[in-house]
Amino acid sequence: MSTPVLDPLTGRIERPLRPVPPDRLAGIAAGLRARAAGWAALGPAGRGPVLARFAAALARDEDLLAALVADTGRVAESVLERQVVAGAVERWARRAPALLAPPAGFAAELPGVHVAGDAVPYELVGAITPWNFPLLLGLLDAAPALAAGCAVLVKPSEVTPRFIEPLTRLVPGELPLAVVEGGPATGAALVGLVDAVVFTGSVPTGRQVAEAAARAFVPAHLELGGKDPAIVLAGADLDRASSAILWGGTANAGQSCQSIERVYVAREVHDDFLALLAAKAERTRLTCEGGPIGPIIAPDQPGVIAAHWPTPRRGARSRTPAGRSSGTAAATGAAPPCCPAWTTRCW
């Protein structure tokens, strides 16, 4: 059964996922390896202009932006995402020569022995990246790896594959970068084809990546999210704090690695802070209502969010109305009455 690619705003099925076949994935990896030595030999100063051209193309391509909007259902965040990525690629291109300069050598204690070092790139780096910022997280690790002289193979999330095609068209011919479409099986196969792997995603999948990397004897770099708290002390400006924390928990519909997930409030200002926060949360609106929140991009996330909602059994009570979920719409392909996002709840 093929994996459906859904419209995050309506839950409708747009097309099936088109995973790259295993033999073609292996061929892409081999092709990148064949180009890696020449890319590394350019040195950081020689690689910089190629990366700078790539950054300039990212910054102005409207097809890429349109695909990001289609993948995520959001506009303002996608505009910012493209801008941030283009700036990051340009920055790595500019800073790489200084960052990669050989360290000063030193004389060893043994007479006649001098110790020196050099930065030697991994030939091929693999990146398995998530859906919440498809372009940003797709290139977050790829850009410095390319600047360091590595070839890079990226497998973005199967939830947001639309941006892959326009992104691929922007890659300069000299740049050993490939971005492939696929699901979990593609990511698993990638680990066995590279010399180092980076992964951003959930703890269970990260554990699988780490185990596969260990079996392949390649290093794994894992970013598995966090539980980011905010602390409100008694002397805080409560109006400002409540606005900042509401934004920190709902920007990008809460789908950011650093989104505020829990708040610790000094007891003496707790009730006043909560009243302010709840009142502001009541006034927030979904994107389909002309507001800033939504949609939830991945179809299984509403269920994850609902599992965190308060229940009397857990000693909590809701201070704002219940949210809306797109779980049924995503499963059936039917459009819900409003975009599949959830309204803010405070408790």
C-alpha atoms as a PDB file:
ATOM      1  CA  MET A   1       0.000   0.000   0.000  1.00  0.00           C
ATOM      2  CA  SER A   2       1.431   3.368  -1.017  1.00  0.00           C
ATOM      3  CA  THR A   3       1.859   6.226   1.443  1.00  0.00           C
ATOM      4  CA  PRO A   4      -0.462   9.159   0.660  1.00  0.00           C
ATOM      5  CA  VAL A   5       0.810  12.736   0.469  1.00  0.00           C
ATOM      6  CA  LEU A   6      -1.874  14.911   2.090  1.00  0.00           C
ATOM      7  CA  ASP A   7      -2.830  18.561   1.784  1.00  0.00           C
ATOM      8  CA  PRO A   8      -2.200  19.849   5.332  1.00  0.00           C
ATOM      9  CA  LEU A   9      -5.003  22.425   5.011  1.00  0.00           C
ATOM     10  CA  THR A  10      -7.763  20.053   3.955  1.00  0.00           C
ATOM     11  CA  GLY A  11      -6.553  16.535   4.696  1.00  0.00           C
ATOM     12  CA  ARG A  12      -7.241  15.501   1.093  1.00  0.00           C
ATOM     13  CA  ILE A  13      -4.930  13.002  -0.587  1.00  0.00           C
ATOM     14  CA  GLU A  14      -2.968  14.766  -3.337  1.00  0.00           C
ATOM     15  CA  ARG A  15      -0.793  11.946  -4.657  1.00  0.00           C
ATOM     16  CA  PRO A  16       1.065   8.851  -3.524  1.00  0.00           C
ATOM     17  CA  LEU A  17       4.574   9.101  -2.162  1.00  0.00           C
ATOM     18  CA  ARG A  18       7.180   8.241  -4.804  1.00  0.00           C
ATOM     19  CA  PRO A  19      10.082   6.600  -2.935  1.00  0.00           C
ATOM     20  CA  VAL A  20      13.356   6.308  -4.788  1.00  0.00           C
ATOM     21  CA  PRO A  21      13.992   2.579  -5.496  1.00  0.00           C
ATOM     22  CA  PRO A  22      16.786   0.991  -3.429  1.00  0.00           C
ATOM     23  CA  ASP A  23      19.039   0.352  -6.432  1.00  0.00           C
ATOM     24  CA  ARG A  24      18.664   3.937  -7.595  1.00  0.00           C
ATOM     25  CA  LEU A  25      19.389   5.211  -4.074  1.00  0.00           C
ATOM     26  CA  ALA A  26      22.591   3.181  -4.058  1.00  0.00           C
ATOM     27  CA  GLY A  27      23.473   4.590  -7.474  1.00  0.00           C
ATOM     28  CA  ILE A  28      22.913   8.158  -6.279  1.00  0.00           C
ATOM     29  CA  ALA A  29      25.157   7.523  -3.276  1.00  0.00           C
ATOM     30  CA  ALA A  30      27.850   6.056  -5.512  1.00  0.00           C
ATOM     31  CA  GLY A  31      27.627   9.038  -7.844  1.00  0.00           C
ATOM     32  CA  LEU A  32      28.037  11.460  -4.954  1.00  0.00           C
ATOM     33  CA  ARG A  33      31.065   9.531  -3.720  1.00  0.00           C
ATOM     34  CA  ALA A  34      32.623   9.736  -7.178  1.00  0.00           C
ATOM     35  CA  ARG A  35      32.357  13.530  -7.021  1.00  0.00           C
ATOM     36  CA  ALA A  36      33.423  13.959  -3.405  1.00  0.00           C
ATOM     37  CA  ALA A  37      37.200  13.999  -3.921  1.00  0.00           C
ATOM     38  CA  GLY A  38      37.026  16.750  -6.533  1.00  0.00           C
ATOM     39  CA  TRP A  39      34.739  18.808  -4.335  1.00  0.00           C
ATOM     40  CA  ALA A  40      37.015  18.436  -1.325  1.00  0.00           C
ATOM     41  CA  ALA A  41      40.055  19.326  -3.420  1.00  0.00           C
ATOM     42  CA  LEU A  42      38.593  22.763  -4.207  1.00  0.00           C
ATOM     43  CA  GLY A  43      39.228  23.829  -0.640  1.00  0.00           C
ATOM     44  CA  PRO A  44      36.892  26.108   1.316  1.00  0.00           C
ATOM     45  CA  ALA A  45      37.786  29.139  -0.791  1.00  0.00           C
ATOM     46  CA  GLY A  46      36.971  27.265  -3.991  1.00  0.00           C
ATOM     47  CA  ARG A  47      33.735  25.813  -2.631  1.00  0.00           C
ATOM     48  CA  GLY A  48      32.493  29.165  -1.344  1.00  0.00           C
ATOM     49  CA  PRO A  49      31.424  30.693  -4.687  1.00  0.00           C
ATOM     50  CA  VAL A  50      29.419  27.574  -5.587  1.00  0.00           C
ATOM     51  CA  LEU A  51      27.591  27.662  -2.264  1.00  0.00           C
ATOM     52  CA  ALA A  52      27.020  31.402  -2.647  1.00  0.00           C
ATOM     53  CA  ARG A  53      25.325  30.808  -6.017  1.00  0.00           C
ATOM     54  CA  PHE A  54      23.168  28.144  -4.423  1.00  0.00           C
ATOM     55  CA  ALA A  55      22.195  30.557  -1.621  1.00  0.00           C
ATOM     56  CA  ALA A  56      21.237  33.261  -4.116  1.00  0.00           C
ATOM     57  CA  ALA A  57      19.060  30.808  -6.060  1.00  0.00           C
ATOM     58  CA  LEU A  58      17.322  29.683  -2.872  1.00  0.00           C
ATOM     59  CA  ALA A  59      16.551  33.252  -1.883  1.00  0.00           C
ATOM     60  CA  ARG A  60      14.669  34.170  -5.041  1.00  0.00           C
ATOM     61  CA  ASP A  61      13.024  30.999  -6.347  1.00  0.00           C
ATOM     62  CA  GLU A  62       9.246  31.272  -6.236  1.00  0.00           C
ATOM     63  CA  ASP A  63       8.589  27.649  -7.224  1.00  0.00           C
ATOM     64  CA  LEU A  64      10.473  26.514  -4.132  1.00  0.00           C
ATOM     65  CA  LEU A  65       8.436  28.869  -1.957  1.00  0.00           C
ATOM     66  CA  ALA A  66       5.158  27.669  -3.488  1.00  0.00           C
ATOM     67  CA  ALA A  67       6.133  24.050  -2.819  1.00  0.00           C
ATOM     68  CA  LEU A  68       6.987  24.853   0.806  1.00  0.00           C
ATOM     69  CA  VAL A  69       3.589  26.501   1.243  1.00  0.00           C
ATOM     70  CA  ALA A  70       1.891  23.448  -0.272  1.00  0.00           C
ATOM     71  CA  ASP A  71       3.899  21.117   1.978  1.00  0.00           C
ATOM     72  CA  THR A  72       3.138  22.979   5.205  1.00  0.00           C
ATOM     73  CA  GLY A  73      -0.048  25.003   4.598  1.00  0.00           C
ATOM     74  CA  ARG A  74       1.602  28.166   5.896  1.00  0.00           C
ATOM     75  CA  VAL A  75       2.820  31.274   4.105  1.00  0.00           C
ATOM     76  CA  ALA A  76       4.589  33.677   6.463  1.00  0.00           C
ATOM     77  CA  GLU A  77       6.676  30.937   8.072  1.00  0.00           C
ATOM     78  CA  SER A  78       7.642  29.556   4.645  1.00  0.00           C
ATOM     79  CA  VAL A  79       8.805  32.978   3.455  1.00  0.00           C
ATOM     80  CA  LEU A  80      10.931  33.293   6.586  1.00  0.00           C
ATOM     81  CA  GLU A  81      12.188  29.716   6.258  1.00  0.00           C
ATOM     82  CA  ARG A  82      13.461  30.332   2.730  1.00  0.00           C
ATOM     83  CA  GLN A  83      15.136  33.559   3.837  1.00  0.00           C
ATOM     84  CA  VAL A  84      16.829  31.940   6.829  1.00  0.00           C
ATOM     85  CA  VAL A  85      18.102  28.986   4.783  1.00  0.00           C
ATOM     86  CA  ALA A  86      19.536  31.200   2.042  1.00  0.00           C
ATOM     87  CA  GLY A  87      21.296  33.300   4.676  1.00  0.00           C
ATOM     88  CA  ALA A  88      22.680  30.230   6.433  1.00  0.00           C
ATOM     89  CA  VAL A  89      24.129  28.733   3.231  1.00  0.00           C
ATOM     90  CA  GLU A  90      25.735  32.087   2.349  1.00  0.00           C
ATOM     91  CA  ARG A  91      27.131  32.415   5.870  1.00  0.00           C
ATOM     92  CA  TRP A  92      28.737  28.958   5.801  1.00  0.00           C
ATOM     93  CA  ALA A  93      30.237  29.748   2.398  1.00  0.00           C
ATOM     94  CA  ARG A  94      31.722  32.971   3.755  1.00  0.00           C
ATOM     95  CA  ARG A  95      32.971  31.654   7.085  1.00  0.00           C
ATOM     96  CA  ALA A  96      34.287  28.251   6.014  1.00  0.00           C
ATOM     97  CA  PRO A  97      37.842  29.369   5.079  1.00  0.00           C
ATOM     98  CA  ALA A  98      38.494  30.721   8.577  1.00  0.00           C
ATOM     99  CA  LEU A  99      36.679  27.907  10.373  1.00  0.00           C
ATOM    100  CA  LEU A 100      38.550  25.222   8.447  1.00  0.00           C
ATOM    101  CA  ALA A 101      42.006  26.797   8.660  1.00  0.00           C
ATOM    102  CA  PRO A 102      44.542  24.187   9.842  1.00  0.00           C
ATOM    103  CA  PRO A 103      45.362  24.505  13.551  1.00  0.00           C
ATOM    104  CA  ALA A 104      48.836  25.535  14.561  1.00  0.00           C
ATOM    105  CA  GLY A 105      51.209  22.606  15.020  1.00  0.00           C
ATOM    106  CA  PHE A 106      53.376  22.008  18.035  1.00  0.00           C
ATOM    107  CA  ALA A 107      56.530  20.165  18.968  1.00  0.00           C
ATOM    108  CA  ALA A 108      56.033  16.836  20.702  1.00  0.00           C
ATOM    109  CA  GLU A 109      58.030  15.856  23.773  1.00  0.00           C
ATOM    110  CA  LEU A 110      59.917  13.370  21.656  1.00  0.00           C
ATOM    111  CA  PRO A 111      62.797  15.249  19.994  1.00  0.00           C
ATOM    112  CA  GLY A 112      62.425  15.767  16.261  1.00  0.00           C
ATOM    113  CA  VAL A 113      58.664  15.086  16.245  1.00  0.00           C
ATOM    114  CA  HIS A 114      56.216  17.825  15.236  1.00  0.00           C
ATOM    115  CA  VAL A 115      52.458  17.380  15.582  1.00  0.00           C
ATOM    116  CA  ALA A 116      50.046  18.972  13.096  1.00  0.00           C
ATOM    117  CA  GLY A 117      46.385  18.516  12.204  1.00  0.00           C
ATOM    118  CA  ASP A 118      44.021  19.032   9.311  1.00  0.00           C
ATOM    119  CA  ALA A 119      40.245  18.945   8.766  1.00  0.00           C
ATOM    120  CA  VAL A 120      39.462  15.928   6.576  1.00  0.00           C
ATOM    121  CA  PRO A 121      35.843  15.753   5.361  1.00  0.00           C
ATOM    122  CA  TYR A 122      33.685  12.663   5.488  1.00  0.00           C
ATOM    123  CA  GLU A 123      33.267  11.517   1.911  1.00  0.00           C
ATOM    124  CA  LEU A 124      29.471  11.160   2.087  1.00  0.00           C
ATOM    125  CA  VAL A 125      27.144  12.463   4.800  1.00  0.00           C
ATOM    126  CA  GLY A 126      23.513  11.369   5.017  1.00  0.00           C
ATOM    127  CA  ALA A 127      20.733  13.484   6.521  1.00  0.00           C
ATOM    128  CA  ILE A 128      17.268  12.234   7.527  1.00  0.00           C
ATOM    129  CA  THR A 129      15.147  15.283   8.243  1.00  0.00           C
ATOM    130  CA  PRO A 130      11.664  16.114   9.600  1.00  0.00           C
ATOM    131  CA  TRP A 131       8.516  17.817   8.351  1.00  0.00           C
ATOM    132  CA  ASN A 132       8.118  20.853  10.599  1.00  0.00           C
ATOM    133  CA  PHE A 133      10.610  23.013   8.647  1.00  0.00           C
ATOM    134  CA  PRO A 134      11.274  20.926   5.529  1.00  0.00           C
ATOM    135  CA  LEU A 135      13.768  23.210   3.779  1.00  0.00           C
ATOM    136  CA  LEU A 136      15.475  24.605   6.867  1.00  0.00           C
ATOM    137  CA  LEU A 137      16.054  21.260   8.525  1.00  0.00           C
ATOM    138  CA  GLY A 138      16.747  19.612   5.178  1.00  0.00           C
ATOM    139  CA  LEU A 139      19.754  21.888   4.700  1.00  0.00           C
ATOM    140  CA  LEU A 140      20.644  22.760   8.290  1.00  0.00           C
ATOM    141  CA  ASP A 141      23.339  20.072   8.475  1.00  0.00           C
ATOM    142  CA  ALA A 142      23.880  19.746   4.734  1.00  0.00           C
ATOM    143  CA  ALA A 143      25.172  23.315   4.334  1.00  0.00           C
ATOM    144  CA  PRO A 144      28.107  23.101   6.791  1.00  0.00           C
ATOM    145  CA  ALA A 145      28.912  19.582   5.576  1.00  0.00           C
ATOM    146  CA  LEU A 146      29.123  20.834   1.991  1.00  0.00           C
ATOM    147  CA  ALA A 147      31.216  23.811   3.095  1.00  0.00           C
ATOM    148  CA  ALA A 148      33.576  21.375   4.841  1.00  0.00           C
ATOM    149  CA  GLY A 149      34.055  19.391   1.627  1.00  0.00           C
ATOM    150  CA  CYS A 150      31.610  16.511   2.112  1.00  0.00           C
ATOM    151  CA  ALA A 151      29.123  15.185  -0.410  1.00  0.00           C
ATOM    152  CA  VAL A 152      25.614  15.056   1.081  1.00  0.00           C
ATOM    153  CA  LEU A 153      22.546  12.841   0.564  1.00  0.00           C
ATOM    154  CA  VAL A 154      19.305  14.134   2.148  1.00  0.00           C
ATOM    155  CA  LYS A 155      16.089  12.171   2.757  1.00  0.00           C
ATOM    156  CA  PRO A 156      13.359  14.579   3.957  1.00  0.00           C
ATOM    157  CA  SER A 157      10.162  13.483   5.676  1.00  0.00           C
ATOM    158  CA  GLU A 158       7.591  11.615   3.627  1.00  0.00           C
ATOM    159  CA  VAL A 159       5.006  14.088   4.984  1.00  0.00           C
ATOM    160  CA  THR A 160       6.502  17.039   3.073  1.00  0.00           C
ATOM    161  CA  PRO A 161       8.045  15.851  -0.219  1.00  0.00           C
ATOM    162  CA  ARG A 162       6.783  18.565  -2.606  1.00  0.00           C
ATOM    163  CA  PHE A 163       9.747  20.897  -2.109  1.00  0.00           C
ATOM    164  CA  ILE A 164      12.273  18.268  -3.223  1.00  0.00           C
ATOM    165  CA  GLU A 165      11.803  18.745  -6.965  1.00  0.00           C
ATOM    166  CA  PRO A 166      12.161  22.560  -7.068  1.00  0.00           C
ATOM    167  CA  LEU A 167      15.065  22.376  -4.621  1.00  0.00           C
ATOM    168  CA  THR A 168      16.875  19.825  -6.789  1.00  0.00           C
ATOM    169  CA  ARG A 169      16.568  22.123  -9.812  1.00  0.00           C
ATOM    170  CA  LEU A 170      18.449  24.834  -7.901  1.00  0.00           C
ATOM    171  CA  VAL A 171      21.486  22.700  -6.979  1.00  0.00           C
ATOM    172  CA  PRO A 172      24.527  23.871  -9.004  1.00  0.00           C
ATOM    173  CA  GLY A 173      26.118  21.186 -11.149  1.00  0.00           C
ATOM    174  CA  GLU A 174      29.362  21.363  -9.170  1.00  0.00           C
ATOM    175  CA  LEU A 175      27.627  20.796  -5.831  1.00  0.00           C
ATOM    176  CA  PRO A 176      27.588  17.127  -4.673  1.00  0.00           C
ATOM    177  CA  LEU A 177      24.154  17.318  -3.078  1.00  0.00           C
ATOM    178  CA  ALA A 178      21.185  15.018  -3.733  1.00  0.00           C
ATOM    179  CA  VAL A 179      17.741  15.184  -2.116  1.00  0.00           C
ATOM    180  CA  VAL A 180      15.563  12.077  -2.478  1.00  0.00           C
ATOM    181  CA  GLU A 181      11.928  11.238  -1.809  1.00  0.00           C
ATOM    182  CA  GLY A 182      11.034   8.287   0.360  1.00  0.00           C
ATOM    183  CA  GLY A 183       9.644   6.919   3.584  1.00  0.00           C
ATOM    184  CA  PRO A 184      11.133   5.036   6.549  1.00  0.00           C
ATOM    185  CA  ALA A 185      12.568   2.267   4.371  1.00  0.00           C
ATOM    186  CA  THR A 186      14.485   4.831   2.311  1.00  0.00           C
ATOM    187  CA  GLY A 187      15.912   6.394   5.464  1.00  0.00           C
ATOM    188  CA  ALA A 188      16.940   2.988   6.797  1.00  0.00           C
ATOM    189  CA  ALA A 189      18.715   2.161   3.527  1.00  0.00           C
ATOM    190  CA  LEU A 190      20.486   5.522   3.516  1.00  0.00           C
ATOM    191  CA  VAL A 191      22.244   4.794   6.824  1.00  0.00           C
ATOM    192  CA  GLY A 192      24.111   1.880   5.261  1.00  0.00           C
ATOM    193  CA  LEU A 193      25.315   3.964   2.311  1.00  0.00           C
ATOM    194  CA  VAL A 194      27.002   6.899   4.067  1.00  0.00           C
ATOM    195  CA  ASP A 195      30.040   7.639   6.235  1.00  0.00           C
ATOM    196  CA  ALA A 196      28.149   9.724   8.813  1.00  0.00           C
ATOM    197  CA  VAL A 197      24.455  10.293   9.424  1.00  0.00           C
ATOM    198  CA  VAL A 198      22.526  13.178  10.971  1.00  0.00           C
ATOM    199  CA  PHE A 199      18.933  12.766  12.105  1.00  0.00           C
ATOM    200  CA  THR A 200      16.313  15.136  13.470  1.00  0.00           C
ATOM    201  CA  GLY A 201      13.090  13.589  14.720  1.00  0.00           C
ATOM    202  CA  SER A 202      11.531  11.453  17.412  1.00  0.00           C
ATOM    203  CA  VAL A 203      13.283   9.457  20.118  1.00  0.00           C
ATOM    204  CA  PRO A 204      12.009   6.041  18.894  1.00  0.00           C
ATOM    205  CA  THR A 205      13.183   6.646  15.327  1.00  0.00           C
ATOM    206  CA  GLY A 206      16.403   8.229  16.564  1.00  0.00           C
ATOM    207  CA  ARG A 207      17.128   5.069  18.533  1.00  0.00           C
ATOM    208  CA  GLN A 208      16.684   3.000  15.357  1.00  0.00           C
ATOM    209  CA  VAL A 209      19.009   5.327  13.436  1.00  0.00           C
ATOM    210  CA  ALA A 210      21.641   5.124  16.186  1.00  0.00           C
ATOM    211  CA  GLU A 211      21.468   1.329  16.249  1.00  0.00           C
ATOM    212  CA  ALA A 212      21.735   1.092  12.445  1.00  0.00           C
ATOM    213  CA  ALA A 213      24.668   3.514  12.444  1.00  0.00           C
ATOM    214  CA  ALA A 214      26.417   1.490  15.138  1.00  0.00           C
ATOM    215  CA  ARG A 215      26.016  -1.676  13.078  1.00  0.00           C
ATOM    216  CA  ALA A 216      27.512   0.174  10.091  1.00  0.00           C
ATOM    217  CA  PHE A 217      30.302   1.668  12.277  1.00  0.00           C
ATOM    218  CA  VAL A 218      29.484   5.229  11.209  1.00  0.00           C
ATOM    219  CA  PRO A 219      28.931   8.197  13.543  1.00  0.00           C
ATOM    220  CA  ALA A 220      25.371   9.354  14.158  1.00  0.00           C
ATOM    221  CA  HIS A 221      24.399  12.880  15.202  1.00  0.00           C
ATOM    222  CA  LEU A 222      20.880  12.960  16.663  1.00  0.00           C
ATOM    223  CA  GLU A 223      18.596  15.883  17.527  1.00  0.00           C
ATOM    224  CA  LEU A 224      15.532  14.389  19.197  1.00  0.00           C
ATOM    225  CA  GLY A 225      13.593  17.441  20.328  1.00  0.00           C
ATOM    226  CA  GLY A 226      13.161  18.807  23.809  1.00  0.00           C
ATOM    227  CA  LYS A 227      10.754  19.794  26.543  1.00  0.00           C
ATOM    228  CA  ASP A 228      11.291  23.522  26.626  1.00  0.00           C
ATOM    229  CA  PRO A 229      10.050  25.305  29.769  1.00  0.00           C
ATOM    230  CA  ALA A 230       9.394  28.961  30.498  1.00  0.00           C
ATOM    231  CA  ILE A 231       9.839  30.390  33.998  1.00  0.00           C
ATOM    232  CA  VAL A 232       7.795  33.350  35.227  1.00  0.00           C
ATOM    233  CA  LEU A 233       9.169  34.936  38.388  1.00  0.00           C
ATOM    234  CA  ALA A 234       7.238  37.132  40.783  1.00  0.00           C
ATOM    235  CA  GLY A 235       8.808  40.335  39.466  1.00  0.00           C
ATOM    236  CA  ALA A 236       8.013  39.661  35.785  1.00  0.00           C
ATOM    237  CA  ASP A 237       5.950  41.948  33.587  1.00  0.00           C
ATOM    238  CA  LEU A 238       2.968  39.590  33.393  1.00  0.00           C
ATOM    239  CA  ASP A 239       1.386  41.176  30.335  1.00  0.00           C
ATOM    240  CA  ARG A 240       4.619  40.884  28.391  1.00  0.00           C
ATOM    241  CA  ALA A 241       5.377  37.413  29.741  1.00  0.00           C
ATOM    242  CA  SER A 242       1.937  36.041  28.850  1.00  0.00           C
ATOM    243  CA  SER A 243       2.173  37.402  25.296  1.00  0.00           C
ATOM    244  CA  ALA A 244       5.681  36.031  24.813  1.00  0.00           C
ATOM    245  CA  ILE A 245       4.806  32.594  26.194  1.00  0.00           C
ATOM    246  CA  LEU A 246       1.614  32.339  24.147  1.00  0.00           C
ATOM    247  CA  TRP A 247       3.634  33.162  21.014  1.00  0.00           C
ATOM    248  CA  GLY A 248       6.390  30.758  22.057  1.00  0.00           C
ATOM    249  CA  GLY A 249       3.902  27.919  22.386  1.00  0.00           C
ATOM    250  CA  THR A 250       1.791  28.576  19.303  1.00  0.00           C
ATOM    251  CA  ALA A 251       4.141  30.049  16.652  1.00  0.00           C
ATOM    252  CA  ASN A 252       4.208  27.633  13.734  1.00  0.00           C
ATOM    253  CA  ALA A 253       1.305  25.921  15.551  1.00  0.00           C
ATOM    254  CA  GLY A 254       3.783  24.762  18.176  1.00  0.00           C
ATOM    255  CA  GLN A 255       5.705  22.718  15.606  1.00  0.00           C
ATOM    256  CA  SER A 256       9.188  23.975  16.451  1.00  0.00           C
ATOM    257  CA  CYS A 257      11.979  22.255  18.333  1.00  0.00           C
ATOM    258  CA  GLN A 258      12.109  25.124  20.821  1.00  0.00           C
ATOM    259  CA  SER A 259       8.342  25.639  21.275  1.00  0.00           C
ATOM    260  CA  ILE A 260       7.298  26.346  24.868  1.00  0.00           C
ATOM    261  CA  GLU A 261       5.736  23.164  26.256  1.00  0.00           C
ATOM    262  CA  ARG A 262       5.424  23.892  29.967  1.00  0.00           C
ATOM    263  CA  VAL A 263       5.453  26.965  32.180  1.00  0.00           C
ATOM    264  CA  TYR A 264       6.612  27.337  35.779  1.00  0.00           C
ATOM    265  CA  VAL A 265       5.008  30.347  37.485  1.00  0.00           C
ATOM    266  CA  ALA A 266       5.789  31.821  40.891  1.00  0.00           C
ATOM    267  CA  ARG A 267       2.879  30.982  43.190  1.00  0.00           C
ATOM    268  CA  GLU A 268       2.148  34.596  44.137  1.00  0.00           C
ATOM    269  CA  VAL A 269       1.534  35.646  40.495  1.00  0.00           C
ATOM    270  CA  HIS A 270       0.132  32.352  39.192  1.00  0.00           C
ATOM    271  CA  ASP A 271      -3.551  33.288  39.075  1.00  0.00           C
ATOM    272  CA  ASP A 272      -2.981  36.695  37.476  1.00  0.00           C
ATOM    273  CA  PHE A 273      -0.635  35.240  34.872  1.00  0.00           C
ATOM    274  CA  LEU A 274      -3.011  32.401  34.036  1.00  0.00           C
ATOM    275  CA  ALA A 275      -5.944  34.781  33.607  1.00  0.00           C
ATOM    276  CA  LEU A 276      -3.955  36.918  31.170  1.00  0.00           C
ATOM    277  CA  LEU A 277      -2.705  33.912  29.227  1.00  0.00           C
ATOM    278  CA  ALA A 278      -6.144  32.320  28.965  1.00  0.00           C
ATOM    279  CA  ALA A 279      -7.771  35.553  27.826  1.00  0.00           C
ATOM    280  CA  LYS A 280      -5.190  36.026  25.071  1.00  0.00           C
ATOM    281  CA  ALA A 281      -5.438  32.382  24.040  1.00  0.00           C
ATOM    282  CA  GLU A 282      -9.207  32.749  23.684  1.00  0.00           C
ATOM    283  CA  ARG A 283      -8.647  35.462  21.074  1.00  0.00           C
ATOM    284  CA  THR A 284      -6.252  33.470  18.899  1.00  0.00           C
ATOM    285  CA  ARG A 285      -7.534  32.188  15.575  1.00  0.00           C
ATOM    286  CA  LEU A 286      -6.640  29.475  13.089  1.00  0.00           C
ATOM    287  CA  THR A 287      -5.201  30.286   9.687  1.00  0.00           C
ATOM    288  CA  CYS A 288      -8.489  29.414   8.003  1.00  0.00           C
ATOM    289  CA  GLU A 289     -10.179  31.948  10.299  1.00  0.00           C
ATOM    290  CA  GLY A 290      -7.712  34.668   9.330  1.00  0.00           C
ATOM    291  CA  GLY A 291      -5.461  34.007  12.308  1.00  0.00           C
ATOM    292  CA  PRO A 292      -1.847  32.946  12.747  1.00  0.00           C
ATOM    293  CA  ILE A 293      -2.159  29.393  14.098  1.00  0.00           C
ATOM    294  CA  GLY A 294      -2.047  26.273  11.970  1.00  0.00           C
ATOM    295  CA  PRO A 295      -2.215  23.995  10.322  1.00  0.00           C
ATOM    296  CA  ILE A 296      -0.850  20.866  11.924  1.00  0.00           C
ATOM    297  CA  ILE A 297       1.317  19.463   9.141  1.00  0.00           C
ATOM    298  CA  ALA A 298       1.611  15.757   9.964  1.00  0.00           C
ATOM    299  CA  PRO A 299      -1.679  13.831  10.036  1.00  0.00           C
ATOM    300  CA  ASP A 300      -0.821  11.850  13.159  1.00  0.00           C
ATOM    301  CA  GLN A 301       0.102  14.905  15.259  1.00  0.00           C
ATOM    302  CA  PRO A 302      -3.419  15.890  16.406  1.00  0.00           C
ATOM    303  CA  GLY A 303      -3.588  12.574  18.241  1.00  0.00           C
ATOM    304  CA  VAL A 304      -0.207  13.227  19.840  1.00  0.00           C
ATOM    305  CA  ILE A 305      -1.410  16.659  20.953  1.00  0.00           C
ATOM    306  CA  ALA A 306      -4.716  15.303  22.268  1.00  0.00           C
ATOM    307  CA  ALA A 307      -2.834  12.851  24.468  1.00  0.00           C
ATOM    308  CA  HIS A 308      -1.366  15.824  26.344  1.00  0.00           C
ATOM    309  CA  TRP A 309      -4.711  17.518  27.011  1.00  0.00           C
ATOM    310  CA  PRO A 310      -5.692  17.773  30.679  1.00  0.00           C
ATOM    311  CA  THR A 311      -8.123  15.394  32.307  1.00  0.00           C
ATOM    312  CA  PRO A 312      -9.650  15.509  35.776  1.00  0.00           C
ATOM    313  CA  ARG A 313      -7.810  12.291  36.534  1.00  0.00           C
ATOM    314  CA  ARG A 314      -4.524  14.132  36.042  1.00  0.00           C
ATOM    315  CA  GLY A 315      -5.613  16.957  38.325  1.00  0.00           C
ATOM    316  CA  ALA A 316      -5.921  19.572  35.589  1.00  0.00           C
ATOM    317  CA  ARG A 317      -8.730  21.556  34.045  1.00  0.00           C
ATOM    318  CA  SER A 318      -9.017  23.395  30.757  1.00  0.00           C
ATOM    319  CA  ARG A 319      -9.245  27.172  30.747  1.00  0.00           C
ATOM    320  CA  THR A 320      -9.974  27.610  27.023  1.00  0.00           C
ATOM    321  CA  PRO A 321     -12.210  25.733  24.556  1.00  0.00           C
ATOM    322  CA  ALA A 322     -11.253  22.341  23.215  1.00  0.00           C
ATOM    323  CA  GLY A 323      -9.287  22.168  19.988  1.00  0.00           C
ATOM    324  CA  ARG A 324     -10.221  20.736  16.620  1.00  0.00           C
ATOM    325  CA  SER A 325      -8.460  17.777  15.049  1.00  0.00           C
ATOM    326  CA  SER A 326      -8.079  16.643  11.468  1.00  0.00           C
ATOM    327  CA  GLY A 327      -7.557  12.966  12.276  1.00  0.00           C
ATOM    328  CA  THR A 328     -10.785  11.795  10.634  1.00  0.00           C
ATOM    329  CA  ALA A 329     -10.362  14.073   7.637  1.00  0.00           C
ATOM    330  CA  ALA A 330      -6.804  12.925   7.056  1.00  0.00           C
ATOM    331  CA  ALA A 331      -7.857   9.306   7.224  1.00  0.00           C
ATOM    332  CA  THR A 332     -10.802   9.661   4.855  1.00  0.00           C
ATOM    333  CA  GLY A 333      -9.563  12.378   2.517  1.00  0.00           C
ATOM    334  CA  ALA A 334     -12.617  14.505   3.310  1.00  0.00           C
ATOM    335  CA  ALA A 335     -12.191  18.212   3.918  1.00  0.00           C
ATOM    336  CA  PRO A 336     -12.977  19.278   7.493  1.00  0.00           C
ATOM    337  CA  PRO A 337     -15.076  22.403   8.149  1.00  0.00           C
ATOM    338  CA  CYS A 338     -11.925  24.256   9.129  1.00  0.00           C
ATOM    339  CA  CYS A 339      -8.276  23.649   8.459  1.00  0.00           C
ATOM    340  CA  PRO A 340      -6.779  20.759  10.441  1.00  0.00           C
ATOM    341  CA  ALA A 341      -5.248  22.643  13.295  1.00  0.00           C
ATOM    342  CA  TRP A 342      -5.906  22.874  16.982  1.00  0.00           C
ATOM    343  CA  THR A 343      -6.954  25.874  18.988  1.00  0.00           C
ATOM    344  CA  THR A 344      -4.875  26.871  21.955  1.00  0.00           C
ATOM    345  CA  ARG A 345      -5.788  25.374  25.297  1.00  0.00           C
ATOM    346  CA  CYS A 346      -4.634  26.689  28.643  1.00  0.00           C
ATOM    347  CA  TRP A 347      -4.850  24.834  31.925  1.00  0.00           C
END
